Protein backbone atom coordinates (compact mmCIF):
# COMPACT_ATOMS: atom_id res chain seq x y z
CA MET A 1 109.97 -241.12 -17.57
CA ASP A 2 106.69 -239.79 -16.18
CA PHE A 3 106.01 -236.50 -17.96
CA PHE A 4 103.42 -235.47 -15.35
CA ASP A 5 105.73 -236.03 -12.35
CA HIS A 6 107.45 -232.81 -11.28
CA GLN A 7 110.37 -234.94 -10.07
CA SER A 8 110.98 -236.11 -13.66
CA ILE A 9 113.81 -233.81 -14.77
CA PHE A 10 114.08 -232.43 -18.31
CA PHE A 11 117.41 -230.62 -17.79
CA THR A 12 119.39 -228.79 -15.10
CA VAL A 13 120.34 -225.12 -15.40
CA LEU A 14 122.59 -223.31 -12.90
CA GLY A 15 122.04 -226.20 -10.49
CA TYR A 16 118.24 -225.97 -10.74
CA PRO A 17 116.50 -229.21 -11.83
CA MET A 18 113.87 -228.33 -14.43
CA SER A 19 111.02 -230.80 -14.78
CA TYR A 20 109.21 -231.47 -18.04
CA LEU A 21 106.00 -230.39 -16.35
CA GLU A 22 107.29 -227.04 -15.15
CA PHE A 23 109.17 -226.21 -18.36
CA PHE A 24 106.46 -226.91 -20.92
CA GLY A 25 103.66 -225.59 -18.70
CA THR A 26 105.54 -222.34 -18.16
CA ILE A 27 106.46 -221.86 -21.82
CA ALA A 28 102.86 -222.45 -22.95
CA GLY A 29 101.60 -220.00 -20.33
CA ALA A 30 104.11 -217.32 -21.27
CA ILE A 31 103.16 -217.46 -24.94
CA ALA A 32 99.44 -217.44 -24.06
CA VAL A 33 99.77 -214.34 -21.88
CA PHE A 34 101.82 -212.50 -24.49
CA LEU A 35 99.21 -213.25 -27.15
CA SER A 36 96.39 -212.13 -24.85
CA ALA A 37 98.21 -208.84 -24.28
CA LYS A 38 98.06 -208.39 -28.06
CA ALA A 39 94.35 -209.29 -28.00
CA ASN A 40 95.20 -212.36 -30.13
CA VAL A 41 92.59 -215.13 -30.10
CA TRP A 42 95.27 -217.87 -30.14
CA SER A 43 96.07 -217.04 -26.53
CA TRP A 44 93.15 -219.28 -25.50
CA PRO A 45 94.26 -222.65 -26.99
CA LEU A 46 97.82 -222.10 -25.69
CA GLY A 47 96.26 -221.36 -22.32
CA ILE A 48 94.53 -224.75 -22.35
CA ILE A 49 97.88 -226.54 -22.64
CA ASN A 50 99.27 -224.40 -19.82
CA VAL A 51 96.45 -225.10 -17.35
CA VAL A 52 96.43 -228.87 -17.91
CA LEU A 53 100.15 -229.10 -17.11
CA PHE A 54 99.93 -226.70 -14.14
CA PHE A 55 97.03 -228.69 -12.65
CA PHE A 56 99.40 -231.61 -12.07
CA LEU A 57 102.28 -229.35 -10.95
CA PHE A 58 100.32 -227.43 -8.30
CA TYR A 59 98.82 -230.61 -6.87
CA GLN A 60 102.30 -231.99 -6.28
CA VAL A 61 103.59 -228.84 -4.53
CA GLN A 62 100.47 -228.50 -2.29
CA LEU A 63 99.14 -225.32 -3.88
CA TYR A 64 95.63 -226.74 -3.89
CA PRO A 65 93.62 -223.57 -4.56
CA ASP A 66 95.87 -222.97 -7.57
CA MET A 67 95.22 -226.55 -8.66
CA PHE A 68 91.45 -225.99 -8.55
CA LEU A 69 91.98 -222.72 -10.38
CA GLN A 70 93.33 -224.62 -13.37
CA VAL A 71 89.96 -226.40 -13.74
CA PHE A 72 88.28 -223.01 -13.92
CA PHE A 73 90.91 -221.79 -16.37
CA PHE A 74 90.36 -224.83 -18.59
CA ILE A 75 86.66 -224.02 -18.87
CA THR A 76 87.17 -220.28 -19.33
CA ASN A 77 89.83 -220.80 -21.98
CA LEU A 78 87.26 -222.76 -23.96
CA LEU A 79 84.60 -220.10 -23.35
CA GLY A 80 86.96 -217.22 -24.04
CA TRP A 81 88.10 -218.80 -27.28
CA TYR A 82 84.49 -219.14 -28.41
CA ARG A 83 83.50 -215.66 -27.15
CA TRP A 84 86.30 -213.90 -29.01
CA MET A 85 85.55 -215.85 -32.19
CA HIS A 86 81.78 -215.27 -31.96
CA PRO A 87 80.97 -211.79 -30.58
CA GLN A 88 77.32 -210.95 -29.99
CA LYS A 89 75.54 -209.23 -32.86
CA GLU A 90 75.22 -205.91 -31.07
CA GLU A 91 78.98 -205.93 -30.42
CA GLU A 92 80.05 -206.79 -33.95
CA ASP A 93 81.89 -204.38 -36.19
CA GLY A 94 83.44 -204.77 -39.62
CA ASN A 95 86.19 -207.05 -38.20
CA LYS A 96 83.73 -209.07 -36.09
CA GLN A 97 85.81 -208.49 -32.95
CA LEU A 98 84.65 -207.84 -29.39
CA LYS A 99 85.44 -204.23 -28.42
CA ILE A 100 87.51 -203.21 -25.39
CA THR A 101 85.40 -201.38 -22.77
CA ARG A 102 85.86 -199.85 -19.29
CA LEU A 103 84.58 -201.15 -15.95
CA SER A 104 82.25 -198.87 -13.97
CA PHE A 105 83.09 -197.82 -10.40
CA ARG A 106 80.09 -199.77 -9.07
CA TRP A 107 81.43 -202.96 -10.59
CA TRP A 108 84.90 -202.24 -9.17
CA ILE A 109 83.35 -202.22 -5.68
CA GLY A 110 81.39 -205.38 -6.43
CA PHE A 111 84.38 -207.32 -7.68
CA GLY A 112 86.49 -206.09 -4.75
CA ALA A 113 83.91 -207.47 -2.30
CA ILE A 114 83.83 -210.77 -4.19
CA GLY A 115 87.62 -210.94 -3.89
CA LEU A 116 87.70 -210.40 -0.12
CA ILE A 117 84.80 -212.69 0.75
CA GLY A 118 85.90 -215.37 -1.70
CA THR A 119 89.46 -215.35 -0.37
CA PHE A 120 88.28 -215.83 3.21
CA LEU A 121 85.84 -218.64 2.41
CA PHE A 122 88.09 -220.52 -0.01
CA GLY A 123 91.05 -220.06 2.36
CA ARG A 124 89.13 -221.74 5.17
CA ILE A 125 88.32 -224.68 2.91
CA ALA A 126 91.88 -224.96 1.62
CA GLN A 127 93.24 -224.87 5.17
CA ASN A 128 91.25 -227.99 6.04
CA LEU A 129 91.44 -230.02 2.82
CA ASN A 130 93.95 -232.54 4.15
CA SER A 131 91.79 -233.27 7.21
CA MET A 132 88.55 -233.45 5.20
CA PHE A 133 89.96 -235.55 2.34
CA PRO A 134 93.21 -237.17 3.59
CA PHE A 135 93.05 -239.89 0.93
CA VAL A 136 93.38 -237.21 -1.79
CA PHE A 137 95.36 -234.46 -0.04
CA SER A 138 98.00 -236.14 2.07
CA GLN A 139 99.84 -232.86 2.81
CA PRO A 140 98.37 -229.63 4.20
CA SER A 141 97.77 -226.74 1.83
CA ALA A 142 100.71 -224.36 1.54
CA PHE A 143 99.74 -220.70 2.14
CA PRO A 144 95.97 -221.38 1.97
CA TYR A 145 94.82 -217.75 2.18
CA ALA A 146 97.43 -216.18 -0.10
CA ASP A 147 96.89 -219.00 -2.58
CA SER A 148 93.14 -218.52 -2.33
CA PHE A 149 93.55 -214.80 -3.01
CA VAL A 150 95.46 -215.62 -6.20
CA THR A 151 92.74 -218.09 -7.15
CA ILE A 152 89.72 -215.85 -6.53
CA MET A 153 91.22 -212.74 -8.10
CA SER A 154 92.42 -214.76 -11.09
CA ILE A 155 88.81 -215.79 -11.62
CA VAL A 156 87.76 -212.14 -11.47
CA ALA A 157 90.53 -211.09 -13.87
CA THR A 158 89.70 -213.91 -16.30
CA TYR A 159 86.02 -212.93 -16.39
CA LEU A 160 86.99 -209.34 -17.12
CA MET A 161 89.41 -210.48 -19.83
CA VAL A 162 86.77 -212.64 -21.52
CA GLN A 163 84.56 -209.52 -21.60
CA LYS A 164 87.54 -207.46 -22.85
CA LYS A 165 87.39 -205.06 -19.90
CA LEU A 166 90.45 -202.82 -19.84
CA GLU A 167 90.89 -203.09 -16.06
CA CYS A 168 91.50 -206.85 -16.23
CA TRP A 169 95.20 -206.07 -16.58
CA LEU A 170 95.32 -204.08 -13.33
CA VAL A 171 93.84 -207.08 -11.51
CA TRP A 172 96.35 -209.38 -13.22
CA ILE A 173 99.27 -207.22 -12.02
CA LEU A 174 98.08 -207.59 -8.42
CA VAL A 175 97.58 -211.35 -8.84
CA ASP A 176 100.98 -211.83 -10.47
CA VAL A 177 102.83 -209.99 -7.68
CA VAL A 178 101.29 -212.22 -4.98
CA ALA A 179 101.79 -215.35 -7.11
CA CYS A 180 105.50 -214.59 -7.51
CA GLY A 181 105.98 -214.83 -3.76
CA LEU A 182 104.07 -218.12 -3.57
CA TYR A 183 105.97 -219.87 -6.34
CA PHE A 184 109.42 -218.75 -5.19
CA SER A 185 108.53 -219.89 -1.66
CA LYS A 186 107.55 -223.35 -2.97
CA GLY A 187 110.78 -223.70 -4.96
CA ILE A 188 109.23 -223.73 -8.44
CA LEU A 189 111.61 -221.02 -9.58
CA PHE A 190 110.93 -221.10 -13.31
CA VAL A 191 107.23 -220.51 -12.67
CA GLY A 192 108.13 -217.71 -10.23
CA ILE A 193 110.34 -216.05 -12.82
CA GLU A 194 107.58 -216.42 -15.38
CA TYR A 195 105.20 -214.51 -13.10
CA VAL A 196 107.74 -211.71 -12.70
CA VAL A 197 107.68 -211.45 -16.49
CA PHE A 198 103.87 -211.64 -16.38
CA CYS A 199 103.84 -208.47 -14.27
CA PHE A 200 105.54 -206.61 -17.12
CA ILE A 201 103.38 -208.28 -19.76
CA ALA A 202 100.26 -207.27 -17.82
CA ALA A 203 101.53 -203.69 -17.68
CA PHE A 204 102.10 -203.83 -21.45
CA GLY A 205 98.66 -205.36 -21.91
CA PHE A 206 97.07 -202.50 -20.00
CA TRP A 207 98.94 -199.92 -22.11
CA TYR A 208 98.10 -201.69 -25.39
CA TRP A 209 94.41 -202.18 -24.58
CA LEU A 210 94.16 -198.56 -23.37
CA LYS A 211 95.59 -197.39 -26.70
CA GLU A 212 93.13 -199.60 -28.58
CA PHE A 213 90.27 -198.32 -26.43
CA ARG A 214 91.12 -194.67 -27.10
CA GLU A 215 91.48 -195.28 -30.82
CA ALA A 216 88.15 -197.11 -31.13
């Protein structure tokens, strides 16, 4: 049994073969997102488990931008974990927690431009990965531009989350909606269902953080 092979089946439910990789990666990710919606610092170590497993899964289903995204997530989970545990002195309060803040309109425009330009550039690269590096990527990238959009905007949302910006959850909702379509299209149904749930968790996260922001 190869745990990191998505063809290695853990169990079958309603005719759907569930791999070890997809099951444990999805469960770890779901718990991590729920904890982040509660502003719980343990979301970060659970996220590390999730991204390691999804790195191998996305490579095998030709979602290459998503695969590269997991490398970024691995690093940011480490940084986010440290950042939430060690807020800067000027941001400390009696509980030594980083405060939730709002994003200015100017930064909304800036991050929107980063999303559009980044999606185009990364999409062009993803579209040609199998011709540039055929010994690594034997199959062409599936949905290179949509997948690149998910990747770039996930990076934006993660940065905003690390900084505890309220609007990170609005970006996550957009990312999760597009990601649902990708994962269902590639036949990784449990991951697709997870991202449907993530849409609702992100909406809850926005409501919860907004409440915390107003009460601060």
